[in-house]
Amino acid sequence: MSLFLTIALVQIIALMTPGPDFFFVSQTAVSRSRRQAFFGVVGIALGVAIWAALALLGLQLLLQKLAWLSRAMTIAGGLYLTWMGVKMLRGAFTAPKVAGEPRAVLQQGDLATLRAGLFTNLANPKAIIYFGSVFSAFLGSGVGHAARWGIWALVVAETLLWFAVVAAVFAMPAMRRGYLRLSRWIDGFAGAIFVAFGLHLIFARRT
């Protein structure tokens, strides 16, 4: 039980640290709707499910043996986040068709938003580092098969609940009214954050 509590605590701290996932959910909720933000949350949870499963199957050992794979994953993630950021920046400088209407950002449609959430998480540098090192460190040989998949379910459920709360908060009417007044700046800031994350991944620690 202590292992589950420890991982639950570490996981919530990791989730609460702002990163691409947080900016994606909050920006989607405030600019579009709670429903679409929740589809994005489901996509992020699916990404976490994939990362956690890979960690259970030996992601840490694989990345240690294949340094080029780790670097390729990092660059691919950086390119995706940069592309997302550029789309947000373009949306920030595009006037809405109707006065007072939010600018269209990212993809449209529930399934497209789910895919965007999934790919945002898979490209998230925090996820690569966390599941490839910190999370994997808790899964020693003494952890049984049932406990391992119980931990997998724990981190997926915790991710889903946390970002559902984030989506609900940012979809509140007061938040949306503020967005309508400051949409250009909010979209531009979110886009700049994504581009910064992406470029950092692409160019950091290049050898």
Protein backbone atom coordinates (compact mmCIF):
# COMPACT_ATOMS: atom_id res chain seq x y z
CA MET A 1 0.00 0.00 0.00
CA SER A 2 2.87 2.39 0.79
CA LEU A 3 4.17 1.94 -2.77
CA PHE A 4 0.78 2.94 -4.20
CA LEU A 5 0.60 6.00 -1.95
CA THR A 6 4.13 7.03 -2.88
CA ILE A 7 3.46 6.73 -6.60
CA ALA A 8 0.12 8.54 -6.22
CA LEU A 9 1.91 11.44 -4.51
CA VAL A 10 4.73 11.56 -7.06
CA GLN A 11 2.22 11.37 -9.92
CA ILE A 12 0.05 14.25 -8.67
CA ILE A 13 3.12 16.44 -8.17
CA ALA A 14 4.22 15.66 -11.73
CA LEU A 15 0.72 16.43 -13.03
CA MET A 16 0.50 19.74 -11.16
CA THR A 17 3.75 20.98 -12.69
CA PRO A 18 2.67 23.06 -15.73
CA GLY A 19 3.66 21.59 -19.08
CA PRO A 20 2.25 21.05 -22.60
CA ASP A 21 -0.62 18.88 -21.30
CA PHE A 22 -1.78 21.56 -18.87
CA PHE A 23 -1.58 24.35 -21.44
CA PHE A 24 -3.43 22.23 -24.01
CA VAL A 25 -6.33 21.39 -21.68
CA SER A 26 -6.68 24.87 -20.21
CA GLN A 27 -6.49 26.58 -23.61
CA THR A 28 -9.01 24.18 -25.15
CA ALA A 29 -11.44 24.60 -22.23
CA VAL A 30 -11.31 28.38 -22.16
CA SER A 31 -11.42 28.89 -25.92
CA ARG A 32 -13.90 26.19 -26.95
CA SER A 33 -15.96 24.12 -24.49
CA ARG A 34 -15.78 21.81 -21.49
CA ARG A 35 -16.91 18.92 -23.71
CA GLN A 36 -14.07 19.36 -26.18
CA ALA A 37 -11.58 19.88 -23.37
CA PHE A 38 -12.72 16.59 -21.83
CA PHE A 39 -12.10 14.78 -25.11
CA GLY A 40 -8.60 16.25 -24.99
CA VAL A 41 -8.25 14.98 -21.42
CA VAL A 42 -9.20 11.46 -22.56
CA GLY A 43 -6.51 11.69 -25.23
CA ILE A 44 -3.92 12.73 -22.64
CA ALA A 45 -4.98 9.86 -20.37
CA LEU A 46 -4.54 7.44 -23.30
CA GLY A 47 -1.04 8.81 -23.80
CA VAL A 48 -0.25 8.25 -20.13
CA ALA A 49 -1.65 4.71 -20.43
CA ILE A 50 0.79 4.05 -23.29
CA TRP A 51 3.79 5.54 -21.46
CA ALA A 52 2.99 3.67 -18.24
CA ALA A 53 2.58 0.38 -20.13
CA LEU A 54 5.93 0.93 -21.87
CA ALA A 55 7.53 1.62 -18.49
CA LEU A 56 6.12 -1.66 -17.19
CA LEU A 57 7.57 -3.44 -20.24
CA GLY A 58 11.08 -2.03 -19.73
CA LEU A 59 11.16 1.43 -21.31
CA GLN A 60 14.04 2.53 -19.09
CA LEU A 61 16.31 -0.33 -20.23
CA LEU A 62 15.38 0.23 -23.87
CA LEU A 63 16.23 3.94 -23.76
CA GLN A 64 19.52 3.20 -21.99
CA LYS A 65 20.57 0.70 -24.66
CA LEU A 66 19.30 2.69 -27.66
CA ALA A 67 20.38 6.27 -27.08
CA TRP A 68 19.52 7.16 -30.69
CA LEU A 69 15.90 6.08 -30.11
CA SER A 70 15.61 8.37 -27.11
CA ARG A 71 16.99 11.25 -29.14
CA ALA A 72 14.70 10.49 -32.10
CA MET A 73 11.65 10.42 -29.82
CA THR A 74 12.70 13.73 -28.29
CA ILE A 75 13.14 15.43 -31.67
CA ALA A 76 9.85 14.05 -32.97
CA GLY A 77 8.11 15.36 -29.88
CA GLY A 78 9.77 18.73 -30.30
CA LEU A 79 8.64 19.00 -33.92
CA TYR A 80 5.04 18.20 -32.99
CA LEU A 81 4.93 20.71 -30.12
CA THR A 82 6.48 23.39 -32.33
CA TRP A 83 3.87 22.73 -35.02
CA MET A 84 1.09 23.01 -32.43
CA GLY A 85 2.56 26.27 -31.16
CA VAL A 86 2.78 27.76 -34.65
CA LYS A 87 -0.89 26.92 -35.24
CA MET A 88 -1.82 28.68 -32.01
CA LEU A 89 0.25 31.72 -32.92
CA ARG A 90 -1.37 31.89 -36.35
CA GLY A 91 -4.78 31.69 -34.70
CA ALA A 92 -3.82 34.48 -32.31
CA PHE A 93 -3.16 36.85 -35.21
CA THR A 94 -6.25 35.84 -37.19
CA ALA A 95 -9.35 37.89 -36.52
CA PRO A 96 -12.51 35.87 -35.67
CA LYS A 97 -15.24 35.79 -38.33
CA VAL A 98 -17.78 37.24 -35.89
CA ALA A 99 -16.98 39.96 -33.39
CA GLY A 100 -16.72 38.51 -29.89
CA GLU A 101 -16.39 34.95 -31.18
CA PRO A 102 -13.35 32.96 -30.00
CA ARG A 103 -10.63 32.34 -32.54
CA ALA A 104 -10.52 28.81 -33.97
CA VAL A 105 -7.41 27.14 -32.62
CA LEU A 106 -6.01 23.65 -33.05
CA GLN A 107 -8.22 20.99 -34.62
CA GLN A 108 -12.01 21.04 -34.64
CA GLY A 109 -14.25 18.15 -33.64
CA ASP A 110 -14.30 15.86 -30.61
CA LEU A 111 -12.21 13.02 -32.07
CA ALA A 112 -9.70 15.47 -33.52
CA THR A 113 -9.37 17.06 -30.08
CA LEU A 114 -8.87 13.60 -28.54
CA ARG A 115 -6.10 12.88 -31.06
CA ALA A 116 -4.51 16.25 -30.34
CA GLY A 117 -4.52 15.47 -26.61
CA LEU A 118 -2.99 12.04 -27.26
CA PHE A 119 -0.22 13.39 -29.49
CA THR A 120 0.46 16.30 -27.14
CA ASN A 121 1.07 13.85 -24.30
CA LEU A 122 3.16 11.48 -26.40
CA ALA A 123 5.31 14.45 -27.43
CA ASN A 124 5.49 15.82 -23.89
CA PRO A 125 9.11 15.95 -22.65
CA LYS A 126 7.89 15.55 -19.06
CA ALA A 127 6.24 12.24 -19.96
CA ILE A 128 9.34 10.89 -21.71
CA ILE A 129 11.59 11.78 -18.77
CA TYR A 130 9.13 10.81 -16.04
CA PHE A 131 8.12 7.40 -17.36
CA GLY A 132 11.60 6.61 -18.70
CA SER A 133 13.33 7.26 -15.37
CA VAL A 134 11.39 8.36 -12.26
CA PHE A 135 8.35 6.12 -12.72
CA SER A 136 10.42 3.14 -13.87
CA ALA A 137 12.56 3.38 -10.72
CA PHE A 138 9.57 2.33 -8.60
CA LEU A 139 8.98 -0.83 -10.64
CA GLY A 140 11.72 -3.06 -9.30
CA SER A 141 11.81 -6.85 -9.44
CA GLY A 142 10.04 -7.02 -6.08
CA VAL A 143 6.85 -5.54 -7.51
CA GLY A 144 4.43 -8.31 -8.51
CA HIS A 145 2.48 -8.55 -11.75
CA ALA A 146 -0.85 -7.57 -10.17
CA ALA A 147 0.72 -4.62 -8.34
CA ARG A 148 2.34 -3.37 -11.53
CA TRP A 149 -0.95 -3.19 -13.42
CA GLY A 150 -2.64 -1.76 -10.35
CA ILE A 151 -0.07 1.07 -10.48
CA TRP A 152 -0.79 1.46 -14.21
CA ALA A 153 -4.51 1.89 -13.49
CA LEU A 154 -3.72 4.32 -10.67
CA VAL A 155 -1.64 6.74 -12.76
CA VAL A 156 -4.12 6.66 -15.66
CA ALA A 157 -7.09 7.36 -13.37
CA GLU A 158 -5.20 10.08 -11.51
CA THR A 159 -4.32 11.77 -14.80
CA LEU A 160 -7.91 11.62 -16.02
CA LEU A 161 -9.29 13.09 -12.78
CA TRP A 162 -6.71 15.88 -12.49
CA PHE A 163 -7.11 17.18 -16.02
CA ALA A 164 -10.91 16.83 -15.82
CA VAL A 165 -10.75 19.26 -12.90
CA VAL A 166 -8.48 21.59 -14.90
CA ALA A 167 -10.93 21.47 -17.83
CA ALA A 168 -13.91 22.19 -15.56
CA VAL A 169 -12.19 25.19 -13.93
CA PHE A 170 -11.07 26.80 -17.18
CA ALA A 171 -14.46 26.21 -18.83
CA MET A 172 -16.22 28.29 -16.15
CA PRO A 173 -18.17 31.28 -17.56
CA ALA A 174 -15.90 33.80 -15.84
CA MET A 175 -12.85 32.21 -17.45
CA ARG A 176 -14.51 32.20 -20.87
CA ARG A 177 -15.56 35.86 -20.56
CA GLY A 178 -11.98 36.74 -19.73
CA TYR A 179 -10.80 34.76 -22.73
CA LEU A 180 -13.13 36.66 -25.07
CA ARG A 181 -11.53 39.90 -23.92
CA LEU A 182 -7.94 38.65 -24.07
CA SER A 183 -8.10 35.83 -26.63
CA ARG A 184 -5.32 37.19 -28.84
CA TRP A 185 -2.90 37.40 -25.91
CA ILE A 186 -3.92 34.06 -24.39
CA ASP A 187 -3.61 32.20 -27.71
CA GLY A 188 -0.32 33.93 -28.42
CA PHE A 189 1.08 33.08 -24.98
CA ALA A 190 0.01 29.43 -25.25
CA GLY A 191 1.49 29.21 -28.75
CA ALA A 192 4.77 30.72 -27.59
CA ILE A 193 4.95 28.22 -24.71
CA PHE A 194 4.45 25.28 -27.10
CA VAL A 195 7.07 26.61 -29.53
CA ALA A 196 9.52 27.10 -26.65
CA PHE A 197 8.96 23.54 -25.42
CA GLY A 198 9.38 22.19 -28.93
CA LEU A 199 12.54 24.10 -29.80
CA HIS A 200 14.09 23.17 -26.49
CA LEU A 201 13.52 19.50 -27.23
CA ILE A 202 14.92 19.80 -30.74
CA PHE A 203 18.11 21.68 -29.90
CA ALA A 204 18.89 20.74 -26.28
CA ARG A 205 21.84 18.43 -25.58
CA ARG A 206 22.64 18.03 -29.27
CA THR A 207 25.93 16.16 -29.75
